[in-house]
Amino acid sequence: MSFALTLAQSLTGGVGLVQASKAYSGTVVLQVEEDVPDSSTDLEIIAALDVSEISVIIILSDQPVTFETNSGSVADETIALLADLPLIETSDMYHAALLATDWTSIFITNASGSTAKIQILALSDATP
């Protein structure tokens, strides 16, 4: 079965508007929505992903948190997610990917003072 997602971005202000959108397709969807309580350390969320097959992924937290892949103590990747600023990677982006290692789980540490809502939506192609 094939799925499609569209990544839409815009920048607007008093000086103008720039918009872009790009459609991606794939065969596997990963969707995570998890509330991570304040004072959580290395809260595990089981979410498997082959990063070499990613077409598009967005990771968003509404609070500043630490995002780690595969281990809370010896992580393959550690990313300080900022509140309300999505991490977006695509199969055709201009820069090197931050996500370079396949996941079996992710680990979230939240010391923000509030519950953090973590959202992940990924589309990958298991049959490239």
PDB file of N, CA and C in Angstrom:
ATOM      1  N   MET A   1       0.839  -1.172   0.000  1.00  0.00           N
ATOM      2  CA  MET A   1       0.000   0.000   0.000  1.00  0.00           C
ATOM      3  C   MET A   1       0.885   1.237   0.000  1.00  0.00           C
ATOM      4  N   SER A   2       0.513   2.218  -0.758  1.00  0.00           N
ATOM      5  CA  SER A   2       1.284   3.446  -0.858  1.00  0.00           C
ATOM      6  C   SER A   2       0.574   4.584  -0.133  1.00  0.00           C
ATOM      7  N   PHE A   3       1.371   5.426   0.521  1.00  0.00           N
ATOM      8  CA  PHE A   3       0.854   6.589   1.240  1.00  0.00           C
ATOM      9  C   PHE A   3       1.497   7.835   0.665  1.00  0.00           C
ATOM     10  N   ALA A   4       0.846   8.972   0.846  1.00  0.00           N
ATOM     11  CA  ALA A   4       1.390  10.246   0.386  1.00  0.00           C
ATOM     12  C   ALA A   4       1.238  11.287   1.491  1.00  0.00           C
ATOM     13  N   LEU A   5       2.272  12.093   1.667  1.00  0.00           N
ATOM     14  CA  LEU A   5       2.243  13.230   2.584  1.00  0.00           C
ATOM     15  C   LEU A   5       2.785  14.439   1.841  1.00  0.00           C
ATOM     16  N   THR A   6       2.281  15.613   2.175  1.00  0.00           N
ATOM     17  CA  THR A   6       2.773  16.847   1.582  1.00  0.00           C
ATOM     18  C   THR A   6       3.374  17.705   2.678  1.00  0.00           C
ATOM     19  N   LEU A   7       4.614  18.119   2.472  1.00  0.00           N
ATOM     20  CA  LEU A   7       5.301  19.027   3.376  1.00  0.00           C
ATOM     21  C   LEU A   7       5.059  20.438   2.859  1.00  0.00           C
ATOM     22  N   ALA A   8       4.379  21.255   3.664  1.00  0.00           N
ATOM     23  CA  ALA A   8       4.080  22.626   3.270  1.00  0.00           C
ATOM     24  C   ALA A   8       4.802  23.569   4.231  1.00  0.00           C
ATOM     25  N   GLN A   9       5.479  24.554   3.661  1.00  0.00           N
ATOM     26  CA  GLN A   9       6.202  25.524   4.474  1.00  0.00           C
ATOM     27  C   GLN A   9       5.896  26.917   3.964  1.00  0.00           C
ATOM     28  N   SER A  10       5.899  27.878   4.895  1.00  0.00           N
ATOM     29  CA  SER A  10       5.709  29.264   4.485  1.00  0.00           C
ATOM     30  C   SER A  10       6.432  30.184   5.458  1.00  0.00           C
ATOM     31  N   LEU A  11       6.790  31.339   4.959  1.00  0.00           N
ATOM     32  CA  LEU A  11       7.399  32.398   5.751  1.00  0.00           C
ATOM     33  C   LEU A  11       6.681  33.670   5.369  1.00  0.00           C
ATOM     34  N   THR A  12       6.094  34.304   6.364  1.00  0.00           N
ATOM     35  CA  THR A  12       5.295  35.473   6.067  1.00  0.00           C
ATOM     36  C   THR A  12       5.599  36.582   7.066  1.00  0.00           C
ATOM     37  N   GLY A  13       5.345  37.779   6.657  1.00  0.00           N
ATOM     38  CA  GLY A  13       5.553  38.945   7.507  1.00  0.00           C
ATOM     39  C   GLY A  13       5.147  40.191   6.744  1.00  0.00           C
ATOM     40  N   GLY A  14       5.506  41.333   7.296  1.00  0.00           N
ATOM     41  CA  GLY A  14       5.132  42.600   6.686  1.00  0.00           C
ATOM     42  C   GLY A  14       5.801  42.865   5.352  1.00  0.00           C
ATOM     43  N   VAL A  15       6.822  42.085   5.017  1.00  0.00           N
ATOM     44  CA  VAL A  15       7.552  42.341   3.776  1.00  0.00           C
ATOM     45  C   VAL A  15       7.198  41.379   2.658  1.00  0.00           C
ATOM     46  N   GLY A  16       6.398  40.373   2.943  1.00  0.00           N
ATOM     47  CA  GLY A  16       6.036  39.465   1.867  1.00  0.00           C
ATOM     48  C   GLY A  16       5.721  38.067   2.351  1.00  0.00           C
ATOM     49  N   LEU A  17       5.608  37.184   1.396  1.00  0.00           N
ATOM     50  CA  LEU A  17       5.240  35.805   1.666  1.00  0.00           C
ATOM     51  C   LEU A  17       5.994  34.896   0.704  1.00  0.00           C
ATOM     52  N   VAL A  18       6.585  33.842   1.264  1.00  0.00           N
ATOM     53  CA  VAL A  18       7.206  32.801   0.456  1.00  0.00           C
ATOM     54  C   VAL A  18       6.594  31.486   0.892  1.00  0.00           C
ATOM     55  N   GLN A  19       6.104  30.706  -0.060  1.00  0.00           N
ATOM     56  CA  GLN A  19       5.479  29.426   0.238  1.00  0.00           C
ATOM     57  C   GLN A  19       6.058  28.341  -0.660  1.00  0.00           C
ATOM     58  N   ALA A  20       6.102  27.136  -0.109  1.00  0.00           N
ATOM     59  CA  ALA A  20       6.543  25.997  -0.908  1.00  0.00           C
ATOM     60  C   ALA A  20       5.861  24.750  -0.386  1.00  0.00           C
ATOM     61  N   SER A  21       5.637  23.803  -1.253  1.00  0.00           N
ATOM     62  CA  SER A  21       5.120  22.502  -0.823  1.00  0.00           C
ATOM     63  C   SER A  21       5.706  21.426  -1.722  1.00  0.00           C
ATOM     64  N   LYS A  22       5.863  20.254  -1.144  1.00  0.00           N
ATOM     65  CA  LYS A  22       6.436  19.131  -1.882  1.00  0.00           C
ATOM     66  C   LYS A  22       5.734  17.867  -1.423  1.00  0.00           C
ATOM     67  N   ALA A  23       5.345  17.038  -2.361  1.00  0.00           N
ATOM     68  CA  ALA A  23       4.682  15.774  -2.063  1.00  0.00           C
ATOM     69  C   ALA A  23       5.716  14.658  -1.956  1.00  0.00           C
ATOM     70  N   TYR A  24       5.503  13.772  -0.994  1.00  0.00           N
ATOM     71  CA  TYR A  24       6.361  12.602  -0.799  1.00  0.00           C
ATOM     72  C   TYR A  24       5.481  11.366  -0.759  1.00  0.00           C
ATOM     73  N   SER A  25       6.033  10.248  -1.212  1.00  0.00           N
ATOM     74  CA  SER A  25       5.287   8.999  -1.155  1.00  0.00           C
ATOM     75  C   SER A  25       6.139   7.934  -0.490  1.00  0.00           C
ATOM     76  N   GLY A  26       5.467   6.925   0.029  1.00  0.00           N
ATOM     77  CA  GLY A  26       6.167   5.837   0.682  1.00  0.00           C
ATOM     78  C   GLY A  26       5.205   4.722   1.035  1.00  0.00           C
ATOM     79  N   THR A  27       5.733   3.696   1.664  1.00  0.00           N
ATOM     80  CA  THR A  27       4.925   2.520   1.983  1.00  0.00           C
ATOM     81  C   THR A  27       4.737   2.293   3.479  1.00  0.00           C
ATOM     82  N   VAL A  28       5.463   3.052   4.314  1.00  0.00           N
ATOM     83  CA  VAL A  28       5.382   2.867   5.765  1.00  0.00           C
ATOM     84  C   VAL A  28       5.192   4.227   6.429  1.00  0.00           C
ATOM     85  N   VAL A  29       4.221   4.314   7.332  1.00  0.00           N
ATOM     86  CA  VAL A  29       3.970   5.536   8.095  1.00  0.00           C
ATOM     87  C   VAL A  29       4.257   5.253   9.570  1.00  0.00           C
ATOM     88  N   LEU A  30       5.012   6.148  10.187  1.00  0.00           N
ATOM     89  CA  LEU A  30       5.222   6.117  11.634  1.00  0.00           C
ATOM     90  C   LEU A  30       4.591   7.373  12.205  1.00  0.00           C
ATOM     91  N   GLN A  31       3.668   7.189  13.142  1.00  0.00           N
ATOM     92  CA  GLN A  31       3.032   8.334  13.779  1.00  0.00           C
ATOM     93  C   GLN A  31       3.083   8.135  15.286  1.00  0.00           C
ATOM     94  N   VAL A  32       3.627   9.140  15.982  1.00  0.00           N
ATOM     95  CA  VAL A  32       3.740   9.106  17.429  1.00  0.00           C
ATOM     96  C   VAL A  32       3.152  10.394  17.984  1.00  0.00           C
ATOM     97  N   GLU A  33       2.300  10.275  18.986  1.00  0.00           N
ATOM     98  CA  GLU A  33       1.815  11.411  19.765  1.00  0.00           C
ATOM     99  C   GLU A  33       1.868  10.978  21.210  1.00  0.00           C
ATOM    100  N   GLU A  34       2.727  11.618  21.966  1.00  0.00           N
ATOM    101  CA  GLU A  34       2.963  11.187  23.345  1.00  0.00           C
ATOM    102  C   GLU A  34       3.125  12.403  24.236  1.00  0.00           C
ATOM    103  N   ASP A  35       2.453  12.385  25.396  1.00  0.00           N
ATOM    104  CA  ASP A  35       2.645  13.411  26.412  1.00  0.00           C
ATOM    105  C   ASP A  35       3.723  12.928  27.365  1.00  0.00           C
ATOM    106  N   VAL A  36       4.774  13.743  27.523  1.00  0.00           N
ATOM    107  CA  VAL A  36       5.892  13.391  28.392  1.00  0.00           C
ATOM    108  C   VAL A  36       5.843  14.308  29.600  1.00  0.00           C
ATOM    109  N   PRO A  37       5.571  13.748  30.790  1.00  0.00           N
ATOM    110  CA  PRO A  37       5.461  14.581  31.988  1.00  0.00           C
ATOM    111  C   PRO A  37       6.757  15.334  32.295  1.00  0.00           C
ATOM    112  N   ASP A  38       6.593  16.488  32.943  1.00  0.00           N
ATOM    113  CA  ASP A  38       7.756  17.228  33.419  1.00  0.00           C
ATOM    114  C   ASP A  38       8.569  16.340  34.359  1.00  0.00           C
ATOM    115  N   SER A  39       9.854  16.551  34.410  1.00  0.00           N
ATOM    116  CA  SER A  39      10.799  15.804  35.251  1.00  0.00           C
ATOM    117  C   SER A  39      10.996  14.365  34.783  1.00  0.00           C
ATOM    118  N   SER A  40      10.571  14.043  33.572  1.00  0.00           N
ATOM    119  CA  SER A  40      10.837  12.711  33.012  1.00  0.00           C
ATOM    120  C   SER A  40      12.279  12.651  32.540  1.00  0.00           C
ATOM    121  N   THR A  41      12.925  11.544  32.856  1.00  0.00           N
ATOM    122  CA  THR A  41      14.290  11.314  32.398  1.00  0.00           C
ATOM    123  C   THR A  41      14.318  10.039  31.581  1.00  0.00           C
ATOM    124  N   ASP A  42      14.706  10.170  30.330  1.00  0.00           N
ATOM    125  CA  ASP A  42      14.829   9.035  29.423  1.00  0.00           C
ATOM    126  C   ASP A  42      13.555   8.202  29.346  1.00  0.00           C
ATOM    127  N   LEU A  43      12.410   8.869  29.197  1.00  0.00           N
ATOM    128  CA  LEU A  43      11.142   8.169  29.013  1.00  0.00           C
ATOM    129  C   LEU A  43      11.183   7.463  27.666  1.00  0.00           C
ATOM    130  N   GLU A  44      11.033   6.153  27.665  1.00  0.00           N
ATOM    131  CA  GLU A  44      11.148   5.365  26.433  1.00  0.00           C
ATOM    132  C   GLU A  44       9.835   5.335  25.672  1.00  0.00           C
ATOM    133  N   ILE A  45       9.948   5.557  24.371  1.00  0.00           N
ATOM    134  CA  ILE A  45       8.828   5.423  23.442  1.00  0.00           C
ATOM    135  C   ILE A  45       9.286   4.444  22.366  1.00  0.00           C
ATOM    136  N   ILE A  46       8.625   3.318  22.253  1.00  0.00           N
ATOM    137  CA  ILE A  46       9.009   2.324  21.254  1.00  0.00           C
ATOM    138  C   ILE A  46       8.514   2.798  19.895  1.00  0.00           C
ATOM    139  N   ALA A  47       9.454   3.041  19.004  1.00  0.00           N
ATOM    140  CA  ALA A  47       9.129   3.559  17.679  1.00  0.00           C
ATOM    141  C   ALA A  47      10.258   3.170  16.739  1.00  0.00           C
ATOM    142  N   ALA A  48      10.053   2.143  15.963  1.00  0.00           N
ATOM    143  CA  ALA A  48      11.100   1.640  15.059  1.00  0.00           C
ATOM    144  C   ALA A  48      11.072   2.390  13.730  1.00  0.00           C
ATOM    145  N   LEU A  49      12.274   2.718  13.235  1.00  0.00           N
ATOM    146  CA  LEU A  49      12.375   3.442  11.973  1.00  0.00           C
ATOM    147  C   LEU A  49      13.717   3.144  11.311  1.00  0.00           C
ATOM    148  N   ASP A  50      13.672   2.814  10.029  1.00  0.00           N
ATOM    149  CA  ASP A  50      14.883   2.663   9.223  1.00  0.00           C
ATOM    150  C   ASP A  50      15.144   4.020   8.586  1.00  0.00           C
ATOM    151  N   VAL A  51      16.111   4.753   9.099  1.00  0.00           N
ATOM    152  CA  VAL A  51      16.312   6.124   8.642  1.00  0.00           C
ATOM    153  C   VAL A  51      16.806   6.213   7.198  1.00  0.00           C
ATOM    154  N   SER A  52      17.406   5.159   6.682  1.00  0.00           N
ATOM    155  CA  SER A  52      17.865   5.201   5.292  1.00  0.00           C
ATOM    156  C   SER A  52      16.699   5.182   4.305  1.00  0.00           C
ATOM    157  N   GLU A  53      15.520   4.834   4.781  1.00  0.00           N
ATOM    158  CA  GLU A  53      14.341   4.756   3.910  1.00  0.00           C
ATOM    159  C   GLU A  53      13.390   5.937   4.079  1.00  0.00           C
ATOM    160  N   ILE A  54      13.778   6.944   4.881  1.00  0.00           N
ATOM    161  CA  ILE A  54      12.897   8.084   5.142  1.00  0.00           C
ATOM    162  C   ILE A  54      12.662   8.885   3.859  1.00  0.00           C
ATOM    163  N   SER A  55      11.398   9.139   3.571  1.00  0.00           N
ATOM    164  CA  SER A  55      11.027  10.100   2.525  1.00  0.00           C
ATOM    165  C   SER A  55      10.886  11.481   3.148  1.00  0.00           C
ATOM    166  N   VAL A  56      10.167  11.535   4.278  1.00  0.00           N
ATOM    167  CA  VAL A  56       9.985  12.789   5.012  1.00  0.00           C
ATOM    168  C   VAL A  56       9.670  12.454   6.469  1.00  0.00           C
ATOM    169  N   ILE A  57      10.190  13.284   7.387  1.00  0.00           N
ATOM    170  CA  ILE A  57       9.893  13.130   8.804  1.00  0.00           C
ATOM    171  C   ILE A  57       9.830  14.510   9.437  1.00  0.00           C
ATOM    172  N   ILE A  58       8.900  14.659  10.374  1.00  0.00           N
ATOM    173  CA  ILE A  58       8.814  15.867  11.182  1.00  0.00           C
ATOM    174  C   ILE A  58       8.721  15.422  12.638  1.00  0.00           C
ATOM    175  N   ILE A  59       9.518  16.062  13.473  1.00  0.00           N
ATOM    176  CA  ILE A  59       9.516  15.798  14.915  1.00  0.00           C
ATOM    177  C   ILE A  59       9.263  17.137  15.586  1.00  0.00           C
ATOM    178  N   LEU A  60       8.261  17.182  16.455  1.00  0.00           N
ATOM    179  CA  LEU A  60       7.859  18.436  17.077  1.00  0.00           C
ATOM    180  C   LEU A  60       7.565  18.224  18.549  1.00  0.00           C
ATOM    181  N   SER A  61       8.034  19.148  19.361  1.00  0.00           N
ATOM    182  CA  SER A  61       7.702  19.176  20.784  1.00  0.00           C
ATOM    183  C   SER A  61       7.208  20.576  21.124  1.00  0.00           C
ATOM    184  N   ASP A  62       6.218  20.665  21.991  1.00  0.00           N
ATOM    185  CA  ASP A  62       5.754  21.993  22.393  1.00  0.00           C
ATOM    186  C   ASP A  62       6.517  22.538  23.600  1.00  0.00           C
ATOM    187  N   GLN A  63       7.508  21.785  24.076  1.00  0.00           N
ATOM    188  CA  GLN A  63       8.399  22.204  25.164  1.00  0.00           C
ATOM    189  C   GLN A  63       9.830  21.842  24.775  1.00  0.00           C
ATOM    190  N   PRO A  64      10.836  22.525  25.318  1.00  0.00           N
ATOM    191  CA  PRO A  64      12.211  22.115  25.046  1.00  0.00           C
ATOM    192  C   PRO A  64      12.495  20.771  25.730  1.00  0.00           C
ATOM    193  N   VAL A  65      12.972  19.795  24.973  1.00  0.00           N
ATOM    194  CA  VAL A  65      13.261  18.463  25.505  1.00  0.00           C
ATOM    195  C   VAL A  65      14.535  17.934  24.853  1.00  0.00           C
ATOM    196  N   THR A  66      15.093  16.886  25.457  1.00  0.00           N
ATOM    197  CA  THR A  66      16.200  16.160  24.856  1.00  0.00           C
ATOM    198  C   THR A  66      15.642  14.898  24.224  1.00  0.00           C
ATOM    199  N   PHE A  67      15.974  14.699  22.955  1.00  0.00           N
ATOM    200  CA  PHE A  67      15.486  13.582  22.152  1.00  0.00           C
ATOM    201  C   PHE A  67      16.685  12.689  21.866  1.00  0.00           C
ATOM    202  N   GLU A  68      16.611  11.411  22.246  1.00  0.00           N
ATOM    203  CA  GLU A  68      17.711  10.484  22.031  1.00  0.00           C
ATOM    204  C   GLU A  68      17.184   9.236  21.331  1.00  0.00           C
ATOM    205  N   THR A  69      18.033   8.638  20.487  1.00  0.00           N
ATOM    206  CA  THR A  69      17.641   7.425  19.784  1.00  0.00           C
ATOM    207  C   THR A  69      18.364   6.218  20.356  1.00  0.00           C
ATOM    208  N   ASN A  70      17.605   5.143  20.543  1.00  0.00           N
ATOM    209  CA  ASN A  70      18.066   3.793  20.891  1.00  0.00           C
ATOM    210  C   ASN A  70      18.565   3.600  22.313  1.00  0.00           C
ATOM    211  N   SER A  71      18.894   4.656  23.030  1.00  0.00           N
ATOM    212  CA  SER A  71      19.351   4.516  24.409  1.00  0.00           C
ATOM    213  C   SER A  71      19.261   5.873  25.088  1.00  0.00           C
ATOM    214  N   GLY A  72      18.907   5.855  26.353  1.00  0.00           N
ATOM    215  CA  GLY A  72      18.906   7.085  27.117  1.00  0.00           C
ATOM    216  C   GLY A  72      20.261   7.393  27.717  1.00  0.00           C
ATOM    217  N   SER A  73      21.144   6.395  27.764  1.00  0.00           N
ATOM    218  CA  SER A  73      22.454   6.610  28.383  1.00  0.00           C
ATOM    219  C   SER A  73      23.588   6.677  27.357  1.00  0.00           C
ATOM    220  N   VAL A  74      23.520   5.863  26.315  1.00  0.00           N
ATOM    221  CA  VAL A  74      24.529   5.871  25.254  1.00  0.00           C
ATOM    222  C   VAL A  74      23.777   5.975  23.927  1.00  0.00           C
ATOM    223  N   ALA A  75      23.232   7.151  23.678  1.00  0.00           N
ATOM    224  CA  ALA A  75      22.364   7.356  22.512  1.00  0.00           C
ATOM    225  C   ALA A  75      23.164   7.375  21.211  1.00  0.00           C
ATOM    226  N   ASP A  76      22.520   6.928  20.144  1.00  0.00           N
ATOM    227  CA  ASP A  76      23.127   7.060  18.821  1.00  0.00           C
ATOM    228  C   ASP A  76      23.055   8.512  18.347  1.00  0.00           C
ATOM    229  N   GLU A  77      21.934   9.163  18.573  1.00  0.00           N
ATOM    230  CA  GLU A  77      21.789  10.594  18.304  1.00  0.00           C
ATOM    231  C   GLU A  77      21.175  11.254  19.522  1.00  0.00           C
ATOM    232  N   THR A  78      21.644  12.438  19.840  1.00  0.00           N
ATOM    233  CA  THR A  78      21.066  13.267  20.894  1.00  0.00           C
ATOM    234  C   THR A  78      20.794  14.630  20.289  1.00  0.00           C
ATOM    235  N   ILE A  79      19.517  15.036  20.347  1.00  0.00           N
ATOM    236  CA  ILE A  79      19.113  16.300  19.741  1.00  0.00           C
ATOM    237  C   ILE A  79      18.335  17.093  20.787  1.00  0.00           C
ATOM    238  N   ALA A  80      18.734  18.332  21.006  1.00  0.00           N
ATOM    239  CA  ALA A  80      18.002  19.228  21.892  1.00  0.00           C
ATOM    240  C   ALA A  80      16.888  19.872  21.068  1.00  0.00           C
ATOM    241  N   LEU A  81      15.678  19.360  21.223  1.00  0.00           N
ATOM    242  CA  LEU A  81      14.546  19.923  20.489  1.00  0.00           C
ATOM    243  C   LEU A  81      14.090  21.207  21.172  1.00  0.00           C
ATOM    244  N   LEU A  82      13.896  22.249  20.395  1.00  0.00           N
ATOM    245  CA  LEU A  82      13.384  23.504  20.908  1.00  0.00           C
ATOM    246  C   LEU A  82      11.861  23.491  20.853  1.00  0.00           C
ATOM    247  N   ALA A  83      11.241  24.236  21.735  1.00  0.00           N
ATOM    248  CA  ALA A  83       9.774  24.279  21.777  1.00  0.00           C
ATOM    249  C   ALA A  83       9.224  24.876  20.490  1.00  0.00           C
ATOM    250  N   ASP A  84       8.260  24.181  19.904  1.00  0.00           N
ATOM    251  CA  ASP A  84       7.498  24.655  18.748  1.00  0.00           C
ATOM    252  C   ASP A  84       8.348  24.910  17.496  1.00  0.00           C
ATOM    253  N   LEU A  85       9.546  24.319  17.430  1.00  0.00           N
ATOM    254  CA  LEU A  85      10.378  24.431  16.240  1.00  0.00           C
ATOM    255  C   LEU A  85      10.616  23.022  15.706  1.00  0.00           C
ATOM    256  N   PRO A  86       9.943  22.650  14.618  1.00  0.00           N
ATOM    257  CA  PRO A  86      10.028  21.264  14.150  1.00  0.00           C
ATOM    258  C   PRO A  86      11.394  20.919  13.566  1.00  0.00           C
ATOM    259  N   LEU A  87      11.787  19.688  13.801  1.00  0.00           N
ATOM    260  CA  LEU A  87      12.923  19.101  13.095  1.00  0.00           C
ATOM    261  C   LEU A  87      12.336  18.405  11.873  1.00  0.00           C
ATOM    262  N   ILE A  88      12.773  18.815  10.690  1.00  0.00           N
ATOM    263  CA  ILE A  88      12.248  18.253   9.451  1.00  0.00           C
ATOM    264  C   ILE A  88      13.416  17.715   8.639  1.00  0.00           C
ATOM    265  N   GLU A  89      13.296  16.479   8.186  1.00  0.00           N
ATOM    266  CA  GLU A  89      14.276  15.903   7.280  1.00  0.00           C
ATOM    267  C   GLU A  89      13.526  15.243   6.134  1.00  0.00           C
ATOM    268  N   THR A  90      14.127  15.341   4.948  1.00  0.00           N
ATOM    269  CA  THR A  90      13.538  14.733   3.757  1.00  0.00           C
ATOM    270  C   THR A  90      14.617  13.967   2.991  1.00  0.00           C
ATOM    271  N   SER A  91      14.170  13.149   2.086  1.00  0.00           N
ATOM    272  CA  SER A  91      15.107  12.361   1.281  1.00  0.00           C
ATOM    273  C   SER A  91      15.892  13.225   0.303  1.00  0.00           C
ATOM    274  N   ASP A  92      15.475  14.462   0.103  1.00  0.00           N
ATOM    275  CA  ASP A  92      16.132  15.332  -0.876  1.00  0.00           C
ATOM    276  C   ASP A  92      16.495  16.697  -0.295  1.00  0.00           C
ATOM    277  N   MET A  93      16.873  16.728   0.989  1.00  0.00           N
ATOM    278  CA  MET A  93      17.209  17.998   1.621  1.00  0.00           C
ATOM    279  C   MET A  93      18.628  18.443   1.237  1.00  0.00           C
ATOM    280  N   TYR A  94      18.917  19.696   1.499  1.00  0.00           N
ATOM    281  CA  TYR A  94      20.190  20.285   1.108  1.00  0.00           C
ATOM    282  C   TYR A  94      21.349  19.925   2.037  1.00  0.00           C
ATOM    283  N   HIS A  95      21.060  19.589   3.265  1.00  0.00           N
ATOM    284  CA  HIS A  95      22.105  19.349   4.265  1.00  0.00           C
ATOM    285  C   HIS A  95      22.132  17.884   4.695  1.00  0.00           C
ATOM    286  N   ALA A  96      23.184  17.523   5.383  1.00  0.00           N
ATOM    287  CA  ALA A  96      23.308  16.152   5.882  1.00  0.00           C
ATOM    288  C   ALA A  96      22.262  15.886   6.965  1.00  0.00           C
ATOM    289  N   ALA A  97      21.784  14.682   7.016  1.00  0.00           N
ATOM    290  CA  ALA A  97      20.749  14.306   7.981  1.00  0.00           C
ATOM    291  C   ALA A  97      21.306  14.263   9.402  1.00  0.00           C
ATOM    292  N   LEU A  98      20.524  14.746  10.351  1.00  0.00           N
ATOM    293  CA  LEU A  98      20.861  14.597  11.773  1.00  0.00           C
ATOM    294  C   LEU A  98      20.571  13.175  12.237  1.00  0.00           C
ATOM    295  N   LEU A  99      19.578  12.553  11.613  1.00  0.00           N
ATOM    296  CA  LEU A  99      19.180  11.191  11.965  1.00  0.00           C
ATOM    297  C   LEU A  99      19.906  10.226  11.047  1.00  0.00           C
ATOM    298  N   ALA A 100      20.910   9.546  11.597  1.00  0.00           N
ATOM    299  CA  ALA A 100      21.755   8.702  10.760  1.00  0.00           C
ATOM    300  C   ALA A 100      21.713   7.231  11.145  1.00  0.00           C
ATOM    301  N   THR A 101      21.082   6.903  12.264  1.00  0.00           N
ATOM    302  CA  THR A 101      21.074   5.528  12.767  1.00  0.00           C
ATOM    303  C   THR A 101      19.635   5.045  12.917  1.00  0.00           C
ATOM    304  N   ASP A 102      19.358   3.819  12.461  1.00  0.00           N
ATOM    305  CA  ASP A 102      18.019   3.243  12.615  1.00  0.00           C
ATOM    306  C   ASP A 102      17.615   3.232  14.083  1.00  0.00           C
ATOM    307  N   TRP A 103      16.315   3.405  14.343  1.00  0.00           N
ATOM    308  CA  TRP A 103      15.802   3.426  15.706  1.00  0.00           C
ATOM    309  C   TRP A 103      15.053   2.143  16.013  1.00  0.00           C
ATOM    310  N   THR A 104      15.084   1.763  17.268  1.00  0.00           N
ATOM    311  CA  THR A 104      14.137   0.794  17.815  1.00  0.00           C
ATOM    312  C   THR A 104      13.278   1.469  18.872  1.00  0.00           C
ATOM    313  N   SER A 105      13.845   2.473  19.525  1.00  0.00           N
ATOM    314  CA  SER A 105      13.136   3.270  20.525  1.00  0.00           C
ATOM    315  C   SER A 105      13.722   4.673  20.539  1.00  0.00           C
ATOM    316  N   ILE A 106      12.916   5.607  21.066  1.00  0.00           N
ATOM    317  CA  ILE A 106      13.428   6.944  21.349  1.00  0.00           C
ATOM    318  C   ILE A 106      13.266   7.207  22.827  1.00  0.00           C
ATOM    319  N   PHE A 107      14.059   8.125  23.346  1.00  0.00           N
ATOM    320  CA  PHE A 107      14.057   8.450  24.770  1.00  0.00           C
ATOM    321  C   PHE A 107      13.963   9.962  24.907  1.00  0.00           C
ATOM    322  N   ILE A 108      13.033  10.410  25.751  1.00  0.00           N
ATOM    323  CA  ILE A 108      12.781  11.836  25.920  1.00  0.00           C
ATOM    324  C   ILE A 108      13.064  12.221  27.366  1.00  0.00           C
ATOM    325  N   THR A 109      13.843  13.286  27.534  1.00  0.00           N
ATOM    326  CA  THR A 109      14.047  13.889  28.849  1.00  0.00           C
ATOM    327  C   THR A 109      13.410  15.267  28.822  1.00  0.00           C
ATOM    328  N   ASN A 110      12.528  15.519  29.798  1.00  0.00           N
ATOM    329  CA  ASN A 110      11.779  16.766  29.850  1.00  0.00           C
ATOM    330  C   ASN A 110      12.008  17.437  31.199  1.00  0.00           C
ATOM    331  N   ALA A 111      12.701  18.561  31.180  1.00  0.00           N
ATOM    332  CA  ALA A 111      12.916  19.358  32.393  1.00  0.00           C
ATOM    333  C   ALA A 111      12.369  20.767  32.188  1.00  0.00           C
ATOM    334  N   SER A 112      11.326  20.889  31.390  1.00  0.00           N
ATOM    335  CA  SER A 112      10.815  22.196  30.976  1.00  0.00           C
ATOM    336  C   SER A 112       9.939  22.878  32.027  1.00  0.00           C
ATOM    337  N   GLY A 113       9.422  22.115  32.960  1.00  0.00           N
ATOM    338  CA  GLY A 113       8.470  22.677  33.916  1.00  0.00           C
ATOM    339  C   GLY A 113       7.027  22.400  33.544  1.00  0.00           C
ATOM    340  N   SER A 114       6.801  21.842  32.350  1.00  0.00           N
ATOM    341  CA  SER A 114       5.453  21.517  31.880  1.00  0.00           C
ATOM    342  C   SER A 114       5.487  20.184  31.142  1.00  0.00           C
ATOM    343  N   THR A 115       4.312  19.558  31.003  1.00  0.00           N
ATOM    344  CA  THR A 115       4.206  18.362  30.182  1.00  0.00           C
ATOM    345  C   THR A 115       4.523  18.721  28.734  1.00  0.00           C
ATOM    346  N   ALA A 116       5.313  17.891  28.075  1.00  0.00           N
ATOM    347  CA  ALA A 116       5.686  18.122  26.675  1.00  0.00           C
ATOM    348  C   ALA A 116       4.888  17.195  25.773  1.00  0.00           C
ATOM    349  N   LYS A 117       4.294  17.757  24.746  1.00  0.00           N
ATOM    350  CA  LYS A 117       3.600  16.955  23.744  1.00  0.00           C
ATOM    351  C   LYS A 117       4.583  16.689  22.606  1.00  0.00           C
ATOM    352  N   ILE A 118       4.913  15.416  22.391  1.00  0.00           N
ATOM    353  CA  ILE A 118       5.833  15.007  21.346  1.00  0.00           C
ATOM    354  C   ILE A 118       5.013  14.469  20.176  1.00  0.00           C
ATOM    355  N   GLN A 119       5.297  14.968  18.984  1.00  0.00           N
ATOM    356  CA  GLN A 119       4.626  14.492  17.780  1.00  0.00           C
ATOM    357  C   GLN A 119       5.691  14.126  16.743  1.00  0.00           C
ATOM    358  N   ILE A 120       5.520  12.957  16.154  1.00  0.00           N
ATOM    359  CA  ILE A 120       6.395  12.510  15.077  1.00  0.00           C
ATOM    360  C   ILE A 120       5.505  11.969  13.960  1.00  0.00           C
ATOM    361  N   LEU A 121       5.784  12.405  12.761  1.00  0.00           N
ATOM    362  CA  LEU A 121       5.122  11.842  11.591  1.00  0.00           C
ATOM    363  C   LEU A 121       6.216  11.585  10.556  1.00  0.00           C
ATOM    364  N   ALA A 122       6.341  10.333  10.165  1.00  0.00           N
ATOM    365  CA  ALA A 122       7.371   9.947   9.211  1.00  0.00           C
ATOM    366  C   ALA A 122       6.759   9.083   8.120  1.00  0.00           C
ATOM    367  N   LEU A 123       7.282   9.248   6.932  1.00  0.00           N
ATOM    368  CA  LEU A 123       6.902   8.424   5.804  1.00  0.00           C
ATOM    369  C   LEU A 123       8.183   7.868   5.218  1.00  0.00           C
ATOM    370  N   SER A 124       8.227   6.561   5.072  1.00  0.00           N
ATOM    371  CA  SER A 124       9.420   5.925   4.495  1.00  0.00           C
ATOM    372  C   SER A 124       8.993   4.955   3.402  1.00  0.00           C
ATOM    373  N   ASP A 125       9.975   4.604   2.587  1.00  0.00           N
ATOM    374  CA  ASP A 125       9.710   3.716   1.466  1.00  0.00           C
ATOM    375  C   ASP A 125      10.486   2.417   1.677  1.00  0.00           C
ATOM    376  N   ALA A 126       9.796   1.373   2.078  1.00  0.00           N
ATOM    377  CA  ALA A 126      10.439   0.076   2.350  1.00  0.00           C
ATOM    378  C   ALA A 126      10.735  -0.686   1.070  1.00  0.00           C
ATOM    379  N   THR A 127      10.290  -0.167  -0.065  1.00  0.00           N
ATOM    380  CA  THR A 127      10.551  -0.816  -1.353  1.00  0.00           C
ATOM    381  C   THR A 127      11.095   0.186  -2.362  1.00  0.00           C
ATOM    382  N   PRO A 128      12.250   0.802  -2.070  1.00  0.00           N
ATOM    383  CA  PRO A 128      12.738   1.854  -2.971  1.00  0.00           C
ATOM    384  C   PRO A 128      13.162   1.354  -4.333  1.00  0.00           C
TER     385      PRO A 128
END
